N, C-alpha and C. Protein backbone atom coordinates (compact mmCIF):
# COMPACT_ATOMS: atom_id res chain seq x y z
N MET A 1 -23.70 -141.81 -6.48
CA MET A 1 -24.40 -141.69 -7.72
C MET A 1 -23.63 -140.72 -8.64
N LYS A 2 -23.44 -141.13 -9.87
CA LYS A 2 -22.67 -140.35 -10.82
C LYS A 2 -23.58 -139.37 -11.56
N HIS A 3 -23.17 -138.11 -11.61
CA HIS A 3 -23.92 -137.08 -12.33
C HIS A 3 -23.23 -136.86 -13.68
N ASN A 4 -24.02 -136.95 -14.73
CA ASN A 4 -23.51 -136.70 -16.07
C ASN A 4 -23.66 -135.24 -16.41
N LYS A 5 -22.55 -134.53 -16.38
CA LYS A 5 -22.58 -133.12 -16.76
C LYS A 5 -22.44 -133.00 -18.27
N PRO A 6 -23.21 -132.09 -18.87
CA PRO A 6 -23.05 -131.89 -20.30
C PRO A 6 -21.66 -131.34 -20.63
N THR A 7 -21.12 -131.79 -21.72
CA THR A 7 -19.81 -131.30 -22.15
C THR A 7 -19.93 -130.68 -23.52
N ILE A 8 -18.87 -130.05 -23.97
CA ILE A 8 -18.87 -129.43 -25.28
C ILE A 8 -19.13 -130.49 -26.34
N GLY A 9 -20.07 -130.21 -27.22
CA GLY A 9 -20.39 -131.12 -28.30
C GLY A 9 -21.63 -131.97 -28.05
N ASP A 10 -22.09 -132.02 -26.79
CA ASP A 10 -23.30 -132.77 -26.48
C ASP A 10 -24.50 -132.09 -27.14
N ASN A 11 -25.40 -132.90 -27.66
CA ASN A 11 -26.63 -132.39 -28.26
C ASN A 11 -26.34 -131.37 -29.34
N GLN A 12 -25.32 -131.60 -30.10
CA GLN A 12 -24.92 -130.65 -31.11
C GLN A 12 -25.67 -130.94 -32.41
N ASN A 13 -26.40 -129.96 -32.89
CA ASN A 13 -27.08 -130.05 -34.17
C ASN A 13 -26.96 -128.68 -34.82
N PRO A 14 -25.95 -128.49 -35.66
CA PRO A 14 -25.68 -127.16 -36.21
C PRO A 14 -26.83 -126.62 -37.06
N ILE A 15 -27.57 -127.49 -37.73
CA ILE A 15 -28.67 -126.99 -38.55
C ILE A 15 -29.75 -126.36 -37.67
N GLN A 16 -30.11 -127.02 -36.60
CA GLN A 16 -31.11 -126.46 -35.68
C GLN A 16 -30.57 -125.21 -35.01
N ASP A 17 -29.31 -125.23 -34.60
CA ASP A 17 -28.71 -124.08 -33.96
C ASP A 17 -28.73 -122.86 -34.89
N GLN A 18 -28.42 -123.07 -36.18
CA GLN A 18 -28.41 -121.98 -37.12
C GLN A 18 -29.82 -121.49 -37.42
N ALA A 19 -30.79 -122.40 -37.43
CA ALA A 19 -32.19 -121.98 -37.64
C ALA A 19 -32.65 -121.10 -36.49
N VAL A 20 -32.31 -121.50 -35.27
CA VAL A 20 -32.66 -120.70 -34.08
C VAL A 20 -31.95 -119.36 -34.13
N GLU A 21 -30.68 -119.36 -34.54
CA GLU A 21 -29.93 -118.11 -34.65
C GLU A 21 -30.57 -117.18 -35.66
N LEU A 22 -31.04 -117.72 -36.79
CA LEU A 22 -31.70 -116.91 -37.79
C LEU A 22 -33.00 -116.31 -37.27
N ILE A 23 -33.76 -117.11 -36.55
CA ILE A 23 -35.02 -116.63 -35.96
C ILE A 23 -34.74 -115.55 -34.92
N ASN A 24 -33.72 -115.75 -34.09
CA ASN A 24 -33.35 -114.75 -33.10
C ASN A 24 -32.93 -113.44 -33.75
N LYS A 25 -32.19 -113.55 -34.87
CA LYS A 25 -31.75 -112.36 -35.60
C LYS A 25 -32.96 -111.60 -36.15
N PHE A 26 -33.89 -112.34 -36.71
CA PHE A 26 -35.10 -111.72 -37.25
C PHE A 26 -35.92 -111.06 -36.13
N TYR A 27 -36.08 -111.76 -35.02
CA TYR A 27 -36.85 -111.23 -33.90
C TYR A 27 -36.20 -109.97 -33.33
N SER A 28 -34.89 -109.99 -33.20
CA SER A 28 -34.18 -108.81 -32.68
C SER A 28 -34.40 -107.60 -33.59
N SER A 29 -34.40 -107.85 -34.89
CA SER A 29 -34.66 -106.77 -35.84
C SER A 29 -36.07 -106.23 -35.66
N LEU A 30 -37.03 -107.11 -35.46
CA LEU A 30 -38.42 -106.67 -35.27
C LEU A 30 -38.59 -105.87 -33.98
N VAL A 31 -37.90 -106.28 -32.93
CA VAL A 31 -37.96 -105.55 -31.67
C VAL A 31 -37.40 -104.13 -31.85
N SER A 32 -36.30 -104.01 -32.56
CA SER A 32 -35.72 -102.70 -32.82
C SER A 32 -36.66 -101.81 -33.63
N ILE A 33 -37.27 -102.40 -34.66
CA ILE A 33 -38.22 -101.65 -35.48
C ILE A 33 -39.41 -101.21 -34.64
N ASP A 34 -39.92 -102.13 -33.82
CA ASP A 34 -41.08 -101.83 -32.98
C ASP A 34 -40.79 -100.68 -32.02
N LYS A 35 -39.59 -100.66 -31.44
CA LYS A 35 -39.21 -99.59 -30.52
C LYS A 35 -39.26 -98.24 -31.24
N HIS A 36 -38.73 -98.19 -32.45
CA HIS A 36 -38.71 -96.93 -33.20
C HIS A 36 -40.12 -96.53 -33.68
N VAL A 37 -40.92 -97.50 -34.08
CA VAL A 37 -42.29 -97.19 -34.50
C VAL A 37 -43.07 -96.63 -33.31
N GLU A 38 -42.93 -97.23 -32.17
CA GLU A 38 -43.62 -96.75 -30.97
C GLU A 38 -43.24 -95.31 -30.66
N GLN A 39 -41.95 -95.01 -30.72
CA GLN A 39 -41.49 -93.66 -30.44
C GLN A 39 -41.92 -92.67 -31.54
N SER A 40 -42.09 -93.19 -32.77
CA SER A 40 -42.53 -92.29 -33.84
C SER A 40 -43.99 -91.86 -33.65
N VAL A 41 -44.74 -92.62 -32.87
CA VAL A 41 -46.13 -92.29 -32.60
C VAL A 41 -46.26 -91.58 -31.21
N LEU A 42 -45.54 -92.12 -30.24
CA LEU A 42 -45.72 -91.65 -28.86
C LEU A 42 -44.60 -90.72 -28.36
N GLY A 43 -43.64 -90.41 -29.22
CA GLY A 43 -42.56 -89.53 -28.80
C GLY A 43 -43.06 -88.19 -28.27
N LYS A 44 -42.33 -87.62 -27.30
CA LYS A 44 -42.85 -86.43 -26.63
C LYS A 44 -42.78 -85.14 -27.45
N ASN A 45 -41.95 -85.15 -28.52
CA ASN A 45 -41.94 -83.96 -29.38
C ASN A 45 -41.71 -84.37 -30.83
N LYS A 46 -41.85 -83.40 -31.71
CA LYS A 46 -41.78 -83.67 -33.14
C LYS A 46 -40.43 -84.20 -33.56
N THR A 47 -39.35 -83.75 -32.97
CA THR A 47 -38.00 -84.20 -33.32
C THR A 47 -37.85 -85.69 -33.01
N ILE A 48 -38.27 -86.10 -31.82
CA ILE A 48 -38.18 -87.51 -31.44
C ILE A 48 -39.06 -88.36 -32.36
N ARG A 49 -40.26 -87.90 -32.66
CA ARG A 49 -41.14 -88.66 -33.54
C ARG A 49 -40.56 -88.78 -34.95
N ASP A 50 -40.03 -87.68 -35.48
CA ASP A 50 -39.45 -87.70 -36.83
C ASP A 50 -38.20 -88.60 -36.89
N ASN A 51 -37.32 -88.46 -35.91
CA ASN A 51 -36.10 -89.29 -35.90
C ASN A 51 -36.45 -90.77 -35.73
N SER A 52 -37.44 -91.06 -34.92
CA SER A 52 -37.84 -92.46 -34.71
C SER A 52 -38.47 -93.03 -35.96
N ALA A 53 -39.27 -92.25 -36.66
CA ALA A 53 -39.88 -92.73 -37.91
C ALA A 53 -38.78 -93.01 -38.93
N PHE A 54 -37.78 -92.14 -39.00
CA PHE A 54 -36.67 -92.36 -39.92
C PHE A 54 -35.90 -93.64 -39.57
N MET A 55 -35.61 -93.82 -38.28
CA MET A 55 -34.87 -95.01 -37.84
C MET A 55 -35.67 -96.28 -38.07
N ALA A 56 -37.00 -96.21 -37.90
CA ALA A 56 -37.84 -97.37 -38.17
C ALA A 56 -37.74 -97.73 -39.65
N GLN A 57 -37.75 -96.74 -40.52
CA GLN A 57 -37.65 -96.98 -41.96
C GLN A 57 -36.28 -97.57 -42.30
N VAL A 58 -35.22 -97.04 -41.71
CA VAL A 58 -33.86 -97.54 -41.96
C VAL A 58 -33.74 -99.00 -41.51
N ASN A 59 -34.21 -99.28 -40.29
CA ASN A 59 -34.13 -100.66 -39.77
C ASN A 59 -34.96 -101.63 -40.57
N THR A 60 -36.14 -101.19 -41.04
CA THR A 60 -36.99 -102.04 -41.86
C THR A 60 -36.31 -102.36 -43.17
N ALA A 61 -35.74 -101.37 -43.82
CA ALA A 61 -35.03 -101.59 -45.09
C ALA A 61 -33.84 -102.54 -44.88
N LYS A 62 -33.11 -102.35 -43.80
CA LYS A 62 -31.96 -103.19 -43.50
C LYS A 62 -32.40 -104.64 -43.27
N THR A 63 -33.48 -104.85 -42.53
CA THR A 63 -33.98 -106.19 -42.26
C THR A 63 -34.48 -106.86 -43.53
N LEU A 64 -35.23 -106.12 -44.34
CA LEU A 64 -35.71 -106.68 -45.62
C LEU A 64 -34.55 -107.10 -46.51
N GLU A 65 -33.53 -106.27 -46.57
CA GLU A 65 -32.36 -106.59 -47.40
C GLU A 65 -31.63 -107.82 -46.86
N GLU A 66 -31.53 -107.89 -45.52
CA GLU A 66 -30.82 -109.01 -44.90
C GLU A 66 -31.51 -110.37 -45.15
N PHE A 67 -32.82 -110.38 -45.24
CA PHE A 67 -33.56 -111.63 -45.40
C PHE A 67 -34.08 -111.81 -46.83
N LYS A 68 -33.71 -110.92 -47.75
CA LYS A 68 -34.22 -110.97 -49.11
C LYS A 68 -33.88 -112.31 -49.81
N ASP A 69 -32.64 -112.75 -49.71
CA ASP A 69 -32.23 -114.00 -50.38
C ASP A 69 -32.97 -115.20 -49.81
N TRP A 70 -33.19 -115.22 -48.51
CA TRP A 70 -33.95 -116.31 -47.92
C TRP A 70 -35.37 -116.36 -48.48
N ASP A 71 -35.99 -115.21 -48.58
CA ASP A 71 -37.35 -115.12 -49.11
C ASP A 71 -37.40 -115.58 -50.57
N ILE A 72 -36.45 -115.12 -51.36
CA ILE A 72 -36.42 -115.48 -52.78
C ILE A 72 -36.30 -116.99 -52.95
N ILE A 73 -35.39 -117.60 -52.22
CA ILE A 73 -35.16 -119.05 -52.37
C ILE A 73 -36.35 -119.87 -51.85
N ILE A 74 -36.89 -119.50 -50.72
CA ILE A 74 -38.02 -120.27 -50.17
C ILE A 74 -39.21 -120.18 -51.10
N LYS A 75 -39.50 -118.98 -51.64
CA LYS A 75 -40.63 -118.83 -52.58
C LYS A 75 -40.35 -119.62 -53.86
N ALA A 76 -39.13 -119.58 -54.36
CA ALA A 76 -38.79 -120.30 -55.60
C ALA A 76 -38.92 -121.79 -55.40
N LYS A 77 -38.47 -122.30 -54.26
CA LYS A 77 -38.58 -123.73 -54.00
C LYS A 77 -40.04 -124.13 -53.90
N ASN A 78 -40.87 -123.31 -53.27
CA ASN A 78 -42.29 -123.60 -53.17
C ASN A 78 -42.98 -123.58 -54.53
N ASP A 79 -42.45 -122.75 -55.46
CA ASP A 79 -43.03 -122.67 -56.80
C ASP A 79 -42.44 -123.74 -57.75
N GLY A 80 -41.48 -124.53 -57.24
CA GLY A 80 -40.88 -125.59 -58.04
C GLY A 80 -39.86 -125.11 -59.05
N LYS A 81 -39.29 -123.93 -58.83
CA LYS A 81 -38.32 -123.36 -59.78
C LYS A 81 -36.93 -123.95 -59.55
N ASP A 82 -36.11 -123.89 -60.58
CA ASP A 82 -34.73 -124.37 -60.50
C ASP A 82 -33.87 -123.30 -59.84
N ILE A 83 -33.47 -123.54 -58.59
CA ILE A 83 -32.69 -122.54 -57.86
C ILE A 83 -31.21 -122.63 -58.17
N HIS A 84 -30.82 -123.61 -58.99
CA HIS A 84 -29.41 -123.78 -59.31
C HIS A 84 -29.02 -123.04 -60.59
N ALA A 85 -29.95 -122.30 -61.18
CA ALA A 85 -29.70 -121.51 -62.39
C ALA A 85 -29.98 -120.05 -62.10
N GLU A 86 -29.37 -119.19 -62.89
CA GLU A 86 -29.61 -117.76 -62.73
C GLU A 86 -31.07 -117.45 -63.05
N PRO A 87 -31.69 -116.49 -62.47
CA PRO A 87 -31.18 -115.48 -61.55
C PRO A 87 -31.21 -115.91 -60.08
N LEU A 88 -31.69 -117.13 -59.81
CA LEU A 88 -31.83 -117.58 -58.43
C LEU A 88 -30.50 -118.09 -57.82
N LYS A 89 -29.56 -118.44 -58.68
CA LYS A 89 -28.33 -119.04 -58.19
C LYS A 89 -27.57 -118.09 -57.26
N SER A 90 -27.57 -116.80 -57.56
CA SER A 90 -26.83 -115.86 -56.71
C SER A 90 -27.45 -115.78 -55.31
N SER A 91 -28.77 -115.84 -55.22
CA SER A 91 -29.42 -115.85 -53.89
C SER A 91 -29.10 -117.14 -53.17
N LYS A 92 -29.10 -118.24 -53.89
CA LYS A 92 -28.76 -119.54 -53.29
C LYS A 92 -27.34 -119.51 -52.72
N LEU A 93 -26.42 -118.96 -53.49
CA LEU A 93 -25.02 -118.88 -53.03
C LEU A 93 -24.86 -117.98 -51.81
N GLU A 94 -25.63 -116.89 -51.76
CA GLU A 94 -25.59 -116.00 -50.59
C GLU A 94 -26.03 -116.74 -49.33
N ILE A 95 -27.04 -117.59 -49.47
CA ILE A 95 -27.55 -118.32 -48.31
C ILE A 95 -26.54 -119.37 -47.83
N VAL A 96 -25.97 -120.14 -48.75
CA VAL A 96 -25.06 -121.21 -48.33
C VAL A 96 -23.68 -120.70 -47.96
N ALA A 97 -23.40 -119.42 -48.23
CA ALA A 97 -22.11 -118.85 -47.85
C ALA A 97 -22.20 -118.00 -46.59
N GLY A 98 -23.42 -117.80 -46.07
CA GLY A 98 -23.60 -116.93 -44.92
C GLY A 98 -23.33 -117.62 -43.60
N SER A 99 -23.65 -116.94 -42.51
CA SER A 99 -23.36 -117.49 -41.18
C SER A 99 -24.26 -118.66 -40.83
N GLN A 100 -25.38 -118.81 -41.52
CA GLN A 100 -26.26 -119.96 -41.30
C GLN A 100 -26.14 -120.91 -42.51
N SER A 101 -24.91 -121.19 -42.93
CA SER A 101 -24.70 -121.93 -44.15
C SER A 101 -25.26 -123.36 -44.12
N GLU A 102 -25.14 -124.03 -42.99
CA GLU A 102 -25.65 -125.41 -42.91
C GLU A 102 -27.17 -125.45 -42.96
N PHE A 103 -27.83 -124.50 -42.29
CA PHE A 103 -29.28 -124.42 -42.38
C PHE A 103 -29.69 -124.04 -43.79
N GLY A 104 -28.97 -123.13 -44.42
CA GLY A 104 -29.24 -122.74 -45.79
C GLY A 104 -29.11 -123.92 -46.73
N GLN A 105 -28.06 -124.71 -46.55
CA GLN A 105 -27.85 -125.89 -47.39
C GLN A 105 -28.97 -126.91 -47.17
N TYR A 106 -29.43 -127.03 -45.94
CA TYR A 106 -30.54 -127.91 -45.63
C TYR A 106 -31.78 -127.53 -46.42
N LEU A 107 -32.09 -126.22 -46.47
CA LEU A 107 -33.25 -125.76 -47.25
C LEU A 107 -33.03 -126.00 -48.74
N ILE A 108 -31.83 -125.78 -49.22
CA ILE A 108 -31.52 -125.99 -50.63
C ILE A 108 -31.73 -127.46 -51.01
N ASP A 109 -31.31 -128.36 -50.13
CA ASP A 109 -31.37 -129.78 -50.41
C ASP A 109 -32.80 -130.36 -50.32
N LYS A 110 -33.70 -129.64 -49.68
CA LYS A 110 -35.08 -130.13 -49.56
C LYS A 110 -35.71 -130.21 -50.95
N GLU A 111 -36.58 -131.21 -51.14
CA GLU A 111 -37.30 -131.31 -52.41
C GLU A 111 -38.22 -130.12 -52.56
N ASN A 112 -38.51 -129.75 -53.80
CA ASN A 112 -39.43 -128.66 -54.06
C ASN A 112 -40.77 -128.96 -53.43
N ASN A 113 -41.44 -127.94 -53.00
CA ASN A 113 -42.78 -128.00 -52.35
C ASN A 113 -42.76 -128.64 -50.98
N GLN A 114 -41.61 -129.00 -50.42
CA GLN A 114 -41.57 -129.51 -49.06
C GLN A 114 -41.47 -128.38 -48.04
N LEU A 115 -41.36 -127.18 -48.51
CA LEU A 115 -41.27 -126.02 -47.62
C LEU A 115 -42.61 -125.31 -47.48
N ASN A 116 -43.65 -125.85 -48.09
CA ASN A 116 -44.97 -125.22 -47.98
C ASN A 116 -45.51 -125.40 -46.58
N PHE A 117 -45.93 -124.32 -45.98
CA PHE A 117 -46.52 -124.36 -44.65
C PHE A 117 -47.90 -123.72 -44.74
N ASP A 118 -48.89 -124.38 -44.22
CA ASP A 118 -50.21 -123.80 -44.14
C ASP A 118 -50.52 -123.61 -42.65
N PHE A 119 -50.08 -122.45 -42.14
CA PHE A 119 -50.20 -122.20 -40.72
C PHE A 119 -51.66 -122.14 -40.28
N GLY A 120 -52.52 -121.63 -41.14
CA GLY A 120 -53.95 -121.56 -40.80
C GLY A 120 -54.51 -122.96 -40.58
N LYS A 121 -54.12 -123.90 -41.44
CA LYS A 121 -54.59 -125.28 -41.31
C LYS A 121 -54.10 -125.88 -40.00
N ASP A 122 -52.83 -125.66 -39.66
CA ASP A 122 -52.26 -126.20 -38.44
C ASP A 122 -52.96 -125.62 -37.20
N ILE A 123 -53.23 -124.34 -37.23
CA ILE A 123 -53.89 -123.71 -36.09
C ILE A 123 -55.32 -124.23 -35.93
N ASN A 124 -56.03 -124.34 -37.05
CA ASN A 124 -57.40 -124.85 -36.98
C ASN A 124 -57.44 -126.29 -36.50
N ALA A 125 -56.47 -127.10 -36.92
CA ALA A 125 -56.44 -128.51 -36.49
C ALA A 125 -56.18 -128.61 -35.00
N LYS A 126 -55.30 -127.75 -34.48
CA LYS A 126 -55.00 -127.77 -33.04
C LYS A 126 -56.18 -127.27 -32.21
N SER A 127 -56.89 -126.28 -32.74
CA SER A 127 -58.01 -125.73 -31.95
C SER A 127 -59.21 -126.67 -31.89
N LYS A 128 -59.31 -127.61 -32.87
CA LYS A 128 -60.40 -128.54 -32.85
C LYS A 128 -60.18 -129.70 -31.90
N LYS A 129 -58.94 -129.90 -31.46
CA LYS A 129 -58.64 -131.02 -30.55
C LYS A 129 -59.15 -130.79 -29.16
């Protein structure tokens, strides 16, 4: 019996891979922030608590800055704005030039209002089943 071993390039979908990479990046940032917030409350002395609070603030600011362009473009697309004109164009270009460029281009190419998610509706629909 022949066993089919996966090879390089099998099941390759760069858009999904980049979306997962973006989510992992965001989650890693949240874990780092959470660690510092926890130590800012539970640290054994004032120095540890103060340093941890500072690091939590630094990591939060860094994460917000890192995902700012994604937020701007997704909100603009949901509002039906033209993302190909200034002031949104610079955020669009940051997304399509970054490490998740194919996923960014996928979001750019989506029709306006196709990015709307009503998570509350989805959760309520699943809980009623």
